[in-house]
Amino acid sequence: MTTEELLNLILDHRLRELHTALPGRVESYDASKQTCDVLPMLKKQTPNGQGGYTTEDLPVLPNVPVAFPRGGGFFMSFPLAKGDFVMLVFHERAIGAWRKKGEATAPGDLRMHSLAGAVAYPGLYPNDDALDDAHTANMVLGKDGSTAQIHLKTDGTVHLGGENGAQFAARASDVTTQLNTLKSAISGAAVVANDGGAALKANIIAALSGWPGSVAASKVKIT
């Protein structure tokens, strides 16, 4: 064996233990801690000394932190279910000490790109599991294949209950104002005896001139 071949063998062996990113499948999820147990979906291959490879499963990785989008006090989260897929990213150094302290610190664990340094990013799925409701123009937040969706369109309108929410939502304060106007018109209308209610009707109609006004929101539509 030449020196070059020996070095390549050593490098290959080292790189087989260095992890960067892998798809994974959720086995369980702890919503209170936002961690999950994840099974890596690509198997480990090791040379068998005969020009081929032996294949073995990687272990389930316990208590992997889930990286939900978050910042400035805002966040987006959703429950992960058994069988959901994630992208596992393996940090350069172990992050356990940093997660406990939340400040710059020595990692303690000197392993690099190890399975123990995994973080799960939800969203990476096989080709056959592409989203049915991913939109070509709208930003969509909701449950795939259902009407439990919010669509933010390029014209600035927000559609609740799916893409085709057609009616502008009523504003509560405007509805209250219109109802109070009706109430006042009825309670304040003068009654003239023995006219068959003609005066009452006329007074109410006059009081409600231009009623009702619009109570519709300008940007939010509902189904």
N, C-alpha and C. Protein backbone atom coordinates (compact mmCIF):
# COMPACT_ATOMS: atom_id res chain seq x y z
N MET A 1 0.85 -1.20 0.00
CA MET A 1 0.00 0.00 0.00
C MET A 1 0.88 1.23 0.00
N THR A 2 0.58 2.17 -0.90
CA THR A 2 1.37 3.40 -0.98
C THR A 2 0.96 4.35 0.14
N THR A 3 1.79 5.37 0.34
CA THR A 3 1.48 6.39 1.36
C THR A 3 0.18 7.10 1.03
N GLU A 4 -0.03 7.37 -0.25
CA GLU A 4 -1.25 8.05 -0.67
C GLU A 4 -2.47 7.18 -0.37
N GLU A 5 -2.37 5.90 -0.67
CA GLU A 5 -3.48 5.00 -0.40
C GLU A 5 -3.77 4.90 1.10
N LEU A 6 -2.70 4.87 1.90
CA LEU A 6 -2.86 4.80 3.35
C LEU A 6 -3.54 6.05 3.88
N LEU A 7 -3.10 7.21 3.39
CA LEU A 7 -3.72 8.47 3.83
C LEU A 7 -5.19 8.54 3.43
N ASN A 8 -5.49 8.09 2.22
CA ASN A 8 -6.89 8.10 1.77
C ASN A 8 -7.74 7.16 2.62
N LEU A 9 -7.16 6.04 3.01
CA LEU A 9 -7.88 5.09 3.85
C LEU A 9 -8.19 5.71 5.22
N ILE A 10 -7.19 6.40 5.77
CA ILE A 10 -7.38 7.05 7.07
C ILE A 10 -8.43 8.15 6.98
N LEU A 11 -8.35 8.96 5.91
CA LEU A 11 -9.32 10.04 5.73
C LEU A 11 -10.73 9.49 5.53
N ASP A 12 -10.85 8.44 4.74
CA ASP A 12 -12.16 7.84 4.52
C ASP A 12 -12.76 7.34 5.82
N HIS A 13 -11.92 6.71 6.64
CA HIS A 13 -12.39 6.20 7.93
C HIS A 13 -12.85 7.35 8.82
N ARG A 14 -12.07 8.43 8.82
CA ARG A 14 -12.43 9.59 9.66
C ARG A 14 -13.72 10.24 9.18
N LEU A 15 -13.85 10.39 7.88
CA LEU A 15 -15.03 11.06 7.33
C LEU A 15 -16.31 10.25 7.55
N ARG A 16 -16.18 8.93 7.65
CA ARG A 16 -17.36 8.11 7.90
C ARG A 16 -17.96 8.37 9.27
N GLU A 17 -17.17 8.93 10.18
CA GLU A 17 -17.64 9.24 11.53
C GLU A 17 -17.99 10.72 11.68
N LEU A 18 -17.86 11.48 10.60
CA LEU A 18 -18.16 12.91 10.63
C LEU A 18 -19.52 13.13 9.96
N HIS A 19 -20.45 13.69 10.70
CA HIS A 19 -21.81 13.86 10.20
C HIS A 19 -22.11 15.35 9.99
N THR A 20 -22.78 15.66 8.92
CA THR A 20 -23.15 17.05 8.63
C THR A 20 -24.67 17.22 8.62
N ALA A 21 -25.35 16.48 7.76
CA ALA A 21 -26.82 16.57 7.70
C ALA A 21 -27.38 15.27 7.16
N LEU A 22 -28.54 14.87 7.71
CA LEU A 22 -29.22 13.64 7.28
C LEU A 22 -30.73 13.83 7.42
N PRO A 23 -31.51 13.19 6.56
CA PRO A 23 -32.94 13.15 6.82
C PRO A 23 -33.23 12.23 7.99
N GLY A 24 -34.27 12.54 8.75
CA GLY A 24 -34.63 11.71 9.90
C GLY A 24 -36.14 11.58 10.02
N ARG A 25 -36.57 10.55 10.73
CA ARG A 25 -38.00 10.30 10.96
C ARG A 25 -38.29 10.39 12.46
N VAL A 26 -39.30 11.17 12.81
CA VAL A 26 -39.67 11.36 14.21
C VAL A 26 -40.27 10.08 14.77
N GLU A 27 -39.74 9.63 15.90
CA GLU A 27 -40.28 8.48 16.61
C GLU A 27 -41.18 8.90 17.77
N SER A 28 -40.87 10.03 18.38
CA SER A 28 -41.72 10.60 19.43
C SER A 28 -41.36 12.07 19.58
N TYR A 29 -42.31 12.84 20.17
CA TYR A 29 -42.11 14.28 20.30
C TYR A 29 -42.59 14.74 21.67
N ASP A 30 -41.79 15.56 22.32
CA ASP A 30 -42.13 16.13 23.63
C ASP A 30 -42.40 17.62 23.42
N ALA A 31 -43.70 17.99 23.41
CA ALA A 31 -44.07 19.38 23.13
C ALA A 31 -43.60 20.33 24.23
N SER A 32 -43.53 19.85 25.47
CA SER A 32 -43.15 20.73 26.58
C SER A 32 -41.69 21.15 26.48
N LYS A 33 -40.84 20.30 25.90
CA LYS A 33 -39.42 20.60 25.77
C LYS A 33 -39.02 20.93 24.34
N GLN A 34 -39.94 20.72 23.40
CA GLN A 34 -39.66 20.87 21.96
C GLN A 34 -38.43 20.04 21.56
N THR A 35 -38.47 18.78 21.96
CA THR A 35 -37.44 17.82 21.57
C THR A 35 -38.12 16.58 21.01
N CYS A 36 -37.37 15.82 20.22
CA CYS A 36 -37.94 14.60 19.65
C CYS A 36 -36.86 13.53 19.57
N ASP A 37 -37.32 12.28 19.54
CA ASP A 37 -36.44 11.15 19.26
C ASP A 37 -36.53 10.89 17.76
N VAL A 38 -35.39 10.79 17.10
CA VAL A 38 -35.35 10.74 15.64
C VAL A 38 -34.49 9.58 15.16
N LEU A 39 -35.01 8.85 14.17
CA LEU A 39 -34.24 7.79 13.52
C LEU A 39 -33.66 8.33 12.22
N PRO A 40 -32.33 8.40 12.09
CA PRO A 40 -31.75 8.81 10.81
C PRO A 40 -32.18 7.87 9.69
N MET A 41 -32.50 8.43 8.52
CA MET A 41 -33.07 7.66 7.43
C MET A 41 -32.03 7.12 6.45
N LEU A 42 -30.79 7.53 6.56
CA LEU A 42 -29.73 6.97 5.71
C LEU A 42 -28.85 6.06 6.56
N LYS A 43 -28.59 4.88 6.06
CA LYS A 43 -27.84 3.90 6.82
C LYS A 43 -26.34 4.11 6.68
N LYS A 44 -25.62 3.61 7.64
CA LYS A 44 -24.15 3.70 7.62
C LYS A 44 -23.58 2.57 6.77
N GLN A 45 -22.63 2.91 5.90
CA GLN A 45 -21.96 1.92 5.07
C GLN A 45 -20.48 1.84 5.45
N THR A 46 -20.02 0.63 5.65
CA THR A 46 -18.64 0.40 6.06
C THR A 46 -17.99 -0.61 5.12
N PRO A 47 -16.76 -0.31 4.61
CA PRO A 47 -16.08 -1.26 3.73
C PRO A 47 -15.94 -2.62 4.41
N ASN A 48 -16.18 -3.68 3.64
CA ASN A 48 -16.09 -5.03 4.21
C ASN A 48 -14.75 -5.70 3.94
N GLY A 49 -13.80 -4.96 3.33
CA GLY A 49 -12.49 -5.51 3.04
C GLY A 49 -12.44 -6.36 1.80
N GLN A 50 -13.56 -6.51 1.11
CA GLN A 50 -13.61 -7.32 -0.10
C GLN A 50 -14.10 -6.51 -1.30
N GLY A 51 -13.97 -5.20 -1.18
CA GLY A 51 -14.39 -4.33 -2.27
C GLY A 51 -15.82 -3.90 -2.19
N GLY A 52 -16.54 -4.36 -1.20
CA GLY A 52 -17.94 -3.98 -1.03
C GLY A 52 -18.16 -3.29 0.31
N TYR A 53 -19.42 -3.18 0.69
CA TYR A 53 -19.76 -2.47 1.93
C TYR A 53 -20.80 -3.27 2.72
N THR A 54 -20.72 -3.16 4.03
CA THR A 54 -21.77 -3.65 4.90
C THR A 54 -22.63 -2.45 5.31
N THR A 55 -23.90 -2.71 5.48
CA THR A 55 -24.83 -1.62 5.80
C THR A 55 -25.46 -1.88 7.16
N GLU A 56 -25.56 -0.81 7.96
CA GLU A 56 -26.18 -0.94 9.28
C GLU A 56 -26.98 0.32 9.60
N ASP A 57 -28.03 0.14 10.40
CA ASP A 57 -28.85 1.27 10.82
C ASP A 57 -28.08 2.14 11.81
N LEU A 58 -28.30 3.43 11.71
CA LEU A 58 -27.84 4.33 12.76
C LEU A 58 -28.85 4.28 13.91
N PRO A 59 -28.43 4.60 15.11
CA PRO A 59 -29.34 4.49 16.26
C PRO A 59 -30.35 5.63 16.28
N VAL A 60 -31.47 5.40 16.98
CA VAL A 60 -32.41 6.49 17.25
C VAL A 60 -31.71 7.52 18.13
N LEU A 61 -31.80 8.78 17.73
CA LEU A 61 -31.16 9.86 18.47
C LEU A 61 -32.17 10.45 19.45
N PRO A 62 -31.89 10.39 20.76
CA PRO A 62 -32.87 10.86 21.74
C PRO A 62 -32.75 12.36 22.01
N ASN A 63 -33.89 12.96 22.37
CA ASN A 63 -33.92 14.34 22.87
C ASN A 63 -33.27 15.35 21.93
N VAL A 64 -33.58 15.21 20.65
CA VAL A 64 -33.02 16.14 19.67
C VAL A 64 -33.83 17.44 19.70
N PRO A 65 -33.20 18.60 19.92
CA PRO A 65 -33.97 19.85 19.92
C PRO A 65 -34.55 20.15 18.55
N VAL A 66 -35.78 20.65 18.55
CA VAL A 66 -36.45 21.02 17.30
C VAL A 66 -36.30 22.52 17.10
N ALA A 67 -35.81 22.93 15.95
CA ALA A 67 -35.55 24.34 15.66
C ALA A 67 -36.75 24.95 14.94
N PHE A 68 -37.76 25.39 15.72
CA PHE A 68 -38.88 26.11 15.13
C PHE A 68 -38.46 27.54 14.81
N PRO A 69 -39.02 28.16 13.77
CA PRO A 69 -38.72 29.57 13.50
C PRO A 69 -39.10 30.43 14.71
N ARG A 70 -38.19 31.30 15.12
CA ARG A 70 -38.41 32.06 16.35
C ARG A 70 -37.49 33.27 16.39
N GLY A 71 -38.01 34.38 16.90
CA GLY A 71 -37.18 35.57 17.06
C GLY A 71 -38.01 36.78 17.43
N GLY A 72 -37.41 37.71 18.17
CA GLY A 72 -38.09 38.94 18.55
C GLY A 72 -39.32 38.73 19.40
N GLY A 73 -39.38 37.59 20.09
CA GLY A 73 -40.54 37.28 20.90
C GLY A 73 -41.64 36.55 20.13
N PHE A 74 -41.49 36.44 18.80
CA PHE A 74 -42.47 35.75 17.97
C PHE A 74 -41.97 34.34 17.66
N PHE A 75 -42.88 33.45 17.29
CA PHE A 75 -42.49 32.09 16.96
C PHE A 75 -43.56 31.44 16.11
N MET A 76 -43.21 30.33 15.50
CA MET A 76 -44.17 29.47 14.83
C MET A 76 -43.89 28.05 15.27
N SER A 77 -44.90 27.36 15.77
CA SER A 77 -44.72 25.98 16.21
C SER A 77 -45.91 25.15 15.78
N PHE A 78 -45.72 23.85 15.78
CA PHE A 78 -46.78 22.90 15.45
C PHE A 78 -46.37 21.56 16.05
N PRO A 79 -47.36 20.72 16.39
CA PRO A 79 -47.01 19.42 16.98
C PRO A 79 -46.43 18.48 15.93
N LEU A 80 -45.33 17.86 16.26
CA LEU A 80 -44.75 16.83 15.40
C LEU A 80 -45.36 15.48 15.77
N ALA A 81 -45.67 14.69 14.76
CA ALA A 81 -46.27 13.38 14.98
C ALA A 81 -45.27 12.28 14.63
N LYS A 82 -45.44 11.12 15.22
CA LYS A 82 -44.62 9.97 14.88
C LYS A 82 -44.74 9.72 13.38
N GLY A 83 -43.61 9.61 12.71
CA GLY A 83 -43.60 9.40 11.26
C GLY A 83 -43.32 10.66 10.46
N ASP A 84 -43.39 11.83 11.10
CA ASP A 84 -43.01 13.06 10.40
C ASP A 84 -41.51 13.03 10.09
N PHE A 85 -41.14 13.75 9.05
CA PHE A 85 -39.73 13.80 8.67
C PHE A 85 -39.12 15.15 9.03
N VAL A 86 -37.83 15.13 9.31
CA VAL A 86 -37.08 16.34 9.63
C VAL A 86 -35.71 16.26 8.96
N MET A 87 -35.05 17.40 8.91
CA MET A 87 -33.65 17.42 8.49
C MET A 87 -32.78 17.53 9.74
N LEU A 88 -31.90 16.58 9.92
CA LEU A 88 -30.97 16.60 11.05
C LEU A 88 -29.69 17.31 10.64
N VAL A 89 -29.33 18.32 11.42
CA VAL A 89 -28.07 19.03 11.20
C VAL A 89 -27.18 18.76 12.41
N PHE A 90 -25.93 18.40 12.16
CA PHE A 90 -25.02 18.01 13.23
C PHE A 90 -23.99 19.12 13.43
N HIS A 91 -24.00 19.71 14.60
CA HIS A 91 -23.15 20.87 14.85
C HIS A 91 -21.67 20.51 14.90
N GLU A 92 -20.89 21.54 14.65
CA GLU A 92 -19.43 21.37 14.67
C GLU A 92 -18.96 20.86 16.02
N ARG A 93 -19.57 21.34 17.09
CA ARG A 93 -19.27 20.89 18.45
C ARG A 93 -20.58 20.58 19.17
N ALA A 94 -20.49 19.84 20.25
CA ALA A 94 -21.67 19.55 21.06
C ALA A 94 -22.27 20.85 21.59
N ILE A 95 -23.59 20.96 21.59
CA ILE A 95 -24.25 22.20 22.01
C ILE A 95 -24.96 22.06 23.35
N GLY A 96 -24.78 20.92 24.02
CA GLY A 96 -25.47 20.70 25.29
C GLY A 96 -25.16 21.76 26.32
N ALA A 97 -23.87 22.10 26.48
CA ALA A 97 -23.47 23.09 27.48
C ALA A 97 -24.05 24.46 27.14
N TRP A 98 -24.04 24.82 25.87
CA TRP A 98 -24.60 26.11 25.46
C TRP A 98 -26.11 26.16 25.71
N ARG A 99 -26.81 25.05 25.44
CA ARG A 99 -28.26 25.05 25.64
C ARG A 99 -28.62 25.21 27.11
N LYS A 100 -27.79 24.73 27.99
CA LYS A 100 -28.06 24.87 29.43
C LYS A 100 -27.78 26.29 29.91
N LYS A 101 -26.74 26.93 29.37
CA LYS A 101 -26.31 28.23 29.87
C LYS A 101 -26.84 29.40 29.04
N GLY A 102 -27.02 29.19 27.73
CA GLY A 102 -27.48 30.26 26.88
C GLY A 102 -26.47 31.37 26.68
N GLU A 103 -25.21 31.07 26.84
CA GLU A 103 -24.16 32.07 26.66
C GLU A 103 -22.91 31.41 26.13
N ALA A 104 -21.96 32.22 25.67
CA ALA A 104 -20.72 31.67 25.13
C ALA A 104 -20.05 30.80 26.18
N THR A 105 -19.71 29.57 25.79
CA THR A 105 -19.15 28.64 26.76
C THR A 105 -18.31 27.59 26.04
N ALA A 106 -17.41 26.95 26.77
CA ALA A 106 -16.67 25.82 26.21
C ALA A 106 -17.61 24.65 26.02
N PRO A 107 -17.50 23.91 24.91
CA PRO A 107 -18.45 22.81 24.66
C PRO A 107 -18.31 21.66 25.64
N GLY A 108 -17.10 21.48 26.20
CA GLY A 108 -16.90 20.35 27.11
C GLY A 108 -16.71 19.06 26.36
N ASP A 109 -17.69 18.65 25.62
CA ASP A 109 -17.60 17.46 24.77
C ASP A 109 -16.82 17.83 23.52
N LEU A 110 -15.68 17.18 23.29
CA LEU A 110 -14.80 17.57 22.20
C LEU A 110 -15.10 16.86 20.88
N ARG A 111 -16.13 16.04 20.84
CA ARG A 111 -16.50 15.41 19.59
C ARG A 111 -16.92 16.46 18.57
N MET A 112 -16.64 16.20 17.30
CA MET A 112 -16.97 17.14 16.24
C MET A 112 -17.94 16.49 15.25
N HIS A 113 -19.00 17.20 14.91
CA HIS A 113 -19.99 16.70 13.95
C HIS A 113 -20.48 15.29 14.32
N SER A 114 -20.72 15.09 15.60
CA SER A 114 -21.13 13.75 16.05
C SER A 114 -22.65 13.63 16.03
N LEU A 115 -23.14 12.40 16.10
CA LEU A 115 -24.58 12.17 16.15
C LEU A 115 -25.21 12.85 17.36
N ALA A 116 -24.42 13.03 18.42
CA ALA A 116 -24.94 13.64 19.65
C ALA A 116 -25.21 15.14 19.48
N GLY A 117 -24.70 15.74 18.41
CA GLY A 117 -24.87 17.18 18.21
C GLY A 117 -25.99 17.53 17.26
N ALA A 118 -27.02 16.68 17.17
CA ALA A 118 -28.08 16.87 16.18
C ALA A 118 -29.10 17.91 16.61
N VAL A 119 -29.62 18.63 15.63
CA VAL A 119 -30.77 19.51 15.78
C VAL A 119 -31.72 19.18 14.63
N ALA A 120 -33.04 19.15 14.90
CA ALA A 120 -34.03 18.77 13.90
C ALA A 120 -34.73 20.00 13.33
N TYR A 121 -34.76 20.09 12.01
CA TYR A 121 -35.48 21.15 11.30
C TYR A 121 -36.65 20.50 10.55
N PRO A 122 -37.88 20.75 10.98
CA PRO A 122 -39.04 20.14 10.30
C PRO A 122 -39.17 20.66 8.87
N GLY A 123 -39.66 19.77 7.98
CA GLY A 123 -39.99 20.22 6.63
C GLY A 123 -39.40 19.43 5.49
N LEU A 124 -38.32 18.67 5.72
CA LEU A 124 -37.71 17.89 4.64
C LEU A 124 -38.46 16.57 4.48
N TYR A 125 -39.07 16.37 3.30
CA TYR A 125 -39.90 15.17 3.07
C TYR A 125 -39.50 14.49 1.76
N PRO A 126 -39.82 13.21 1.62
CA PRO A 126 -39.56 12.51 0.36
C PRO A 126 -40.39 13.10 -0.78
N ASN A 127 -39.98 12.81 -2.02
CA ASN A 127 -40.67 13.36 -3.19
C ASN A 127 -42.16 13.03 -3.21
N ASP A 128 -42.52 11.81 -2.83
CA ASP A 128 -43.92 11.39 -2.89
C ASP A 128 -44.79 12.07 -1.84
N ASP A 129 -44.17 12.77 -0.90
CA ASP A 129 -44.93 13.44 0.16
C ASP A 129 -44.91 14.96 0.00
N ALA A 130 -44.78 15.44 -1.23
CA ALA A 130 -44.81 16.88 -1.46
C ALA A 130 -46.15 17.45 -1.01
N LEU A 131 -46.16 18.70 -0.55
CA LEU A 131 -47.39 19.33 -0.10
C LEU A 131 -48.41 19.43 -1.23
N ASP A 132 -49.65 19.11 -0.93
CA ASP A 132 -50.73 19.27 -1.92
C ASP A 132 -51.12 20.73 -2.09
N ASP A 133 -51.02 21.51 -1.01
CA ASP A 133 -51.55 22.87 -1.02
C ASP A 133 -50.48 23.96 -1.06
N ALA A 134 -49.24 23.61 -1.39
CA ALA A 134 -48.24 24.65 -1.60
C ALA A 134 -48.70 25.51 -2.77
N HIS A 135 -48.69 26.83 -2.60
CA HIS A 135 -49.28 27.73 -3.59
C HIS A 135 -48.21 28.39 -4.44
N THR A 136 -48.57 28.71 -5.67
CA THR A 136 -47.61 29.34 -6.58
C THR A 136 -47.45 30.83 -6.33
N ALA A 137 -48.41 31.45 -5.62
CA ALA A 137 -48.34 32.90 -5.42
C ALA A 137 -48.58 33.32 -3.98
N ASN A 138 -49.38 32.58 -3.24
CA ASN A 138 -49.75 32.99 -1.88
C ASN A 138 -48.80 32.39 -0.84
N MET A 139 -48.62 33.14 0.25
CA MET A 139 -48.02 32.54 1.44
C MET A 139 -49.13 31.83 2.19
N VAL A 140 -48.91 30.56 2.54
CA VAL A 140 -49.96 29.75 3.16
C VAL A 140 -49.48 29.24 4.51
N LEU A 141 -50.35 29.36 5.51
CA LEU A 141 -50.11 28.79 6.83
C LEU A 141 -51.32 27.95 7.18
N GLY A 142 -51.13 26.68 7.46
CA GLY A 142 -52.28 25.86 7.81
C GLY A 142 -52.00 24.38 7.67
N LYS A 143 -53.08 23.61 7.64
CA LYS A 143 -52.98 22.15 7.55
C LYS A 143 -53.18 21.73 6.10
N ASP A 144 -52.25 20.94 5.59
CA ASP A 144 -52.31 20.50 4.20
C ASP A 144 -53.56 19.66 3.95
N GLY A 145 -54.24 19.93 2.84
CA GLY A 145 -55.40 19.13 2.47
C GLY A 145 -56.65 19.47 3.24
N SER A 146 -56.71 20.64 3.88
CA SER A 146 -57.91 21.01 4.64
C SER A 146 -58.20 22.49 4.42
N THR A 147 -59.32 22.95 4.99
CA THR A 147 -59.66 24.37 4.90
C THR A 147 -59.12 25.15 6.10
N ALA A 148 -58.40 24.49 6.97
CA ALA A 148 -57.79 25.18 8.11
C ALA A 148 -56.50 25.86 7.64
N GLN A 149 -56.67 26.91 6.85
CA GLN A 149 -55.53 27.59 6.24
C GLN A 149 -55.72 29.10 6.26
N ILE A 150 -54.61 29.81 6.28
CA ILE A 150 -54.58 31.26 6.11
C ILE A 150 -53.76 31.54 4.86
N HIS A 151 -54.33 32.30 3.92
CA HIS A 151 -53.63 32.68 2.70
C HIS A 151 -53.35 34.17 2.71
N LEU A 152 -52.08 34.53 2.60
CA LEU A 152 -51.69 35.93 2.47
C LEU A 152 -51.37 36.18 1.00
N LYS A 153 -52.17 37.03 0.36
CA LYS A 153 -52.03 37.26 -1.08
C LYS A 153 -51.18 38.49 -1.36
N THR A 154 -50.71 38.57 -2.59
CA THR A 154 -49.82 39.67 -2.97
C THR A 154 -50.50 41.02 -2.96
N ASP A 155 -51.83 41.06 -3.01
CA ASP A 155 -52.54 42.34 -2.94
C ASP A 155 -52.75 42.82 -1.51
N GLY A 156 -52.22 42.05 -0.54
CA GLY A 156 -52.31 42.43 0.86
C GLY A 156 -53.51 41.89 1.59
N THR A 157 -54.41 41.19 0.89
CA THR A 157 -55.57 40.62 1.57
C THR A 157 -55.20 39.30 2.23
N VAL A 158 -55.88 39.02 3.34
CA VAL A 158 -55.69 37.78 4.08
C VAL A 158 -56.98 36.99 4.00
N HIS A 159 -56.89 35.74 3.54
CA HIS A 159 -58.07 34.89 3.36
C HIS A 159 -58.04 33.77 4.39
N LEU A 160 -59.08 33.72 5.22
CA LEU A 160 -59.19 32.72 6.27
C LEU A 160 -60.09 31.58 5.81
N GLY A 161 -59.67 30.35 6.08
CA GLY A 161 -60.48 29.20 5.70
C GLY A 161 -60.19 28.70 4.31
N GLY A 162 -59.06 29.08 3.74
CA GLY A 162 -58.69 28.63 2.41
C GLY A 162 -58.45 29.80 1.47
N GLU A 163 -58.02 29.49 0.26
CA GLU A 163 -57.65 30.51 -0.71
C GLU A 163 -58.85 31.33 -1.17
N ASN A 164 -60.05 30.74 -1.16
CA ASN A 164 -61.20 31.37 -1.79
C ASN A 164 -62.15 32.01 -0.80
N GLY A 165 -61.65 32.41 0.37
CA GLY A 165 -62.49 33.19 1.27
C GLY A 165 -62.95 34.45 0.56
N ALA A 166 -64.27 34.61 0.38
CA ALA A 166 -64.79 35.62 -0.54
C ALA A 166 -65.38 36.84 0.14
N GLN A 167 -65.82 36.72 1.39
CA GLN A 167 -66.50 37.82 2.05
C GLN A 167 -65.56 38.50 3.04
N PHE A 168 -65.55 39.83 3.01
CA PHE A 168 -64.76 40.54 4.00
C PHE A 168 -65.34 40.31 5.39
N ALA A 169 -64.49 40.06 6.34
CA ALA A 169 -64.94 39.81 7.71
C ALA A 169 -65.54 41.07 8.31
N ALA A 170 -66.57 40.90 9.16
CA ALA A 170 -67.19 42.05 9.84
C ALA A 170 -66.33 42.46 11.03
N ARG A 171 -66.23 43.78 11.23
CA ARG A 171 -65.50 44.31 12.38
C ARG A 171 -66.45 44.47 13.54
N ALA A 172 -66.09 43.94 14.68
CA ALA A 172 -67.01 43.91 15.83
C ALA A 172 -67.45 45.30 16.24
N SER A 173 -66.54 46.27 16.27
CA SER A 173 -66.91 47.61 16.71
C SER A 173 -67.91 48.24 15.75
N ASP A 174 -67.75 48.00 14.45
CA ASP A 174 -68.68 48.56 13.47
C ASP A 174 -70.06 47.91 13.58
N VAL A 175 -70.08 46.59 13.81
CA VAL A 175 -71.36 45.90 13.99
C VAL A 175 -72.09 46.47 15.21
N THR A 176 -71.36 46.68 16.30
CA THR A 176 -71.96 47.24 17.52
C THR A 176 -72.54 48.62 17.26
N THR A 177 -71.81 49.46 16.52
CA THR A 177 -72.29 50.80 16.19
C THR A 177 -73.59 50.76 15.41
N GLN A 178 -73.66 49.86 14.41
CA GLN A 178 -74.86 49.76 13.59
C GLN A 178 -76.04 49.26 14.40
N LEU A 179 -75.83 48.30 15.27
CA LEU A 179 -76.91 47.78 16.10
C LEU A 179 -77.39 48.84 17.09
N ASN A 180 -76.47 49.63 17.63
CA ASN A 180 -76.87 50.70 18.55
C ASN A 180 -77.67 51.78 17.84
N THR A 181 -77.33 52.03 16.57
CA THR A 181 -78.10 52.99 15.79
C THR A 181 -79.53 52.51 15.60
N LEU A 182 -79.68 51.22 15.29
CA LEU A 182 -81.01 50.63 15.14
C LEU A 182 -81.79 50.70 16.45
N LYS A 183 -81.11 50.35 17.53
CA LYS A 183 -81.76 50.38 18.84
C LYS A 183 -82.25 51.78 19.19
N SER A 184 -81.40 52.76 18.94
CA SER A 184 -81.77 54.14 19.27
C SER A 184 -82.92 54.62 18.41
N ALA A 185 -82.92 54.22 17.12
CA ALA A 185 -84.00 54.64 16.23
C ALA A 185 -85.34 54.08 16.69
N ILE A 186 -85.35 52.85 17.13
CA ILE A 186 -86.60 52.23 17.58
C ILE A 186 -87.06 52.81 18.91
N SER A 187 -86.12 52.91 19.87
CA SER A 187 -86.51 53.37 21.21
C SER A 187 -86.84 54.86 21.23
N GLY A 188 -86.32 55.64 20.30
CA GLY A 188 -86.55 57.09 20.32
C GLY A 188 -87.65 57.55 19.39
N ALA A 189 -88.25 56.63 18.64
CA ALA A 189 -89.28 57.03 17.69
C ALA A 189 -90.57 57.45 18.41
N ALA A 190 -91.12 58.57 17.96
CA ALA A 190 -92.37 59.06 18.58
C ALA A 190 -93.57 58.26 18.08
N VAL A 191 -94.52 58.05 18.99
CA VAL A 191 -95.74 57.32 18.68
C VAL A 191 -96.92 58.30 18.68
N VAL A 192 -97.71 58.27 17.63
CA VAL A 192 -98.92 59.09 17.54
C VAL A 192 -100.13 58.18 17.68
N ALA A 193 -100.99 58.52 18.59
CA ALA A 193 -102.16 57.66 18.86
C ALA A 193 -103.10 57.59 17.66
N ASN A 194 -103.64 56.41 17.46
CA ASN A 194 -104.69 56.15 16.48
C ASN A 194 -104.30 56.43 15.03
N ASP A 195 -102.97 56.40 14.72
CA ASP A 195 -102.58 56.57 13.29
C ASP A 195 -102.15 55.26 12.65
N GLY A 196 -102.37 54.16 13.36
CA GLY A 196 -102.02 52.86 12.81
C GLY A 196 -100.53 52.61 12.74
N GLY A 197 -99.74 53.36 13.48
CA GLY A 197 -98.29 53.18 13.49
C GLY A 197 -97.56 53.93 12.40
N ALA A 198 -98.26 54.76 11.63
CA ALA A 198 -97.62 55.48 10.51
C ALA A 198 -96.52 56.42 11.00
N ALA A 199 -96.79 57.12 12.07
CA ALA A 199 -95.79 58.06 12.59
C ALA A 199 -94.55 57.32 13.10
N LEU A 200 -94.80 56.21 13.81
CA LEU A 200 -93.67 55.41 14.32
C LEU A 200 -92.80 54.92 13.17
N LYS A 201 -93.44 54.42 12.16
CA LYS A 201 -92.70 53.92 11.00
C LYS A 201 -91.90 55.04 10.34
N ALA A 202 -92.55 56.20 10.15
CA ALA A 202 -91.87 57.32 9.50
C ALA A 202 -90.68 57.81 10.32
N ASN A 203 -90.86 57.86 11.63
CA ASN A 203 -89.76 58.33 12.49
C ASN A 203 -88.58 57.37 12.48
N ILE A 204 -88.87 56.08 12.47
CA ILE A 204 -87.78 55.09 12.43
C ILE A 204 -87.05 55.17 11.11
N ILE A 205 -87.80 55.27 10.01
CA ILE A 205 -87.17 55.36 8.69
C ILE A 205 -86.28 56.60 8.61
N ALA A 206 -86.77 57.71 9.13
CA ALA A 206 -85.98 58.94 9.09
C ALA A 206 -84.71 58.81 9.93
N ALA A 207 -84.85 58.17 11.08
CA ALA A 207 -83.69 58.02 11.96
C ALA A 207 -82.64 57.09 11.37
N LEU A 208 -83.10 56.20 10.50
CA LEU A 208 -82.17 55.21 9.92
C LEU A 208 -81.75 55.59 8.51
N SER A 209 -81.86 56.84 8.15
CA SER A 209 -81.41 57.28 6.83
C SER A 209 -79.93 56.95 6.65
N GLY A 210 -79.59 56.22 5.59
CA GLY A 210 -78.20 55.83 5.34
C GLY A 210 -77.75 54.60 6.11
N TRP A 211 -78.69 54.00 6.84
CA TRP A 211 -78.35 52.80 7.62
C TRP A 211 -78.69 51.56 6.81
N PRO A 212 -77.94 50.46 6.86
CA PRO A 212 -76.72 50.32 7.66
C PRO A 212 -75.47 50.76 6.90
N GLY A 213 -74.49 51.20 7.62
CA GLY A 213 -73.19 51.46 7.00
C GLY A 213 -72.39 50.18 6.91
N SER A 214 -71.26 50.25 6.21
CA SER A 214 -70.44 49.06 6.03
C SER A 214 -69.78 48.63 7.35
N VAL A 215 -69.76 47.35 7.57
CA VAL A 215 -69.05 46.80 8.74
C VAL A 215 -67.90 45.91 8.30
N ALA A 216 -67.59 45.90 7.01
CA ALA A 216 -66.60 44.96 6.47
C ALA A 216 -65.17 45.45 6.72
N ALA A 217 -64.29 44.49 7.04
CA ALA A 217 -62.87 44.79 7.09
C ALA A 217 -62.37 45.06 5.67
N SER A 218 -61.23 45.71 5.58
CA SER A 218 -60.70 46.05 4.26
C SER A 218 -59.69 45.04 3.75
N LYS A 219 -59.19 44.15 4.61
CA LYS A 219 -58.13 43.24 4.19
C LYS A 219 -58.40 41.77 4.47
N VAL A 220 -59.28 41.45 5.42
CA VAL A 220 -59.45 40.06 5.84
C VAL A 220 -60.74 39.50 5.29
N LYS A 221 -60.64 38.42 4.49
CA LYS A 221 -61.81 37.74 3.94
C LYS A 221 -61.97 36.37 4.58
N ILE A 222 -63.22 35.91 4.64
CA ILE A 222 -63.53 34.61 5.24
C ILE A 222 -64.40 33.81 4.29
N THR A 223 -64.50 32.52 4.53
CA THR A 223 -65.37 31.68 3.71
C THR A 223 -66.79 31.76 4.21
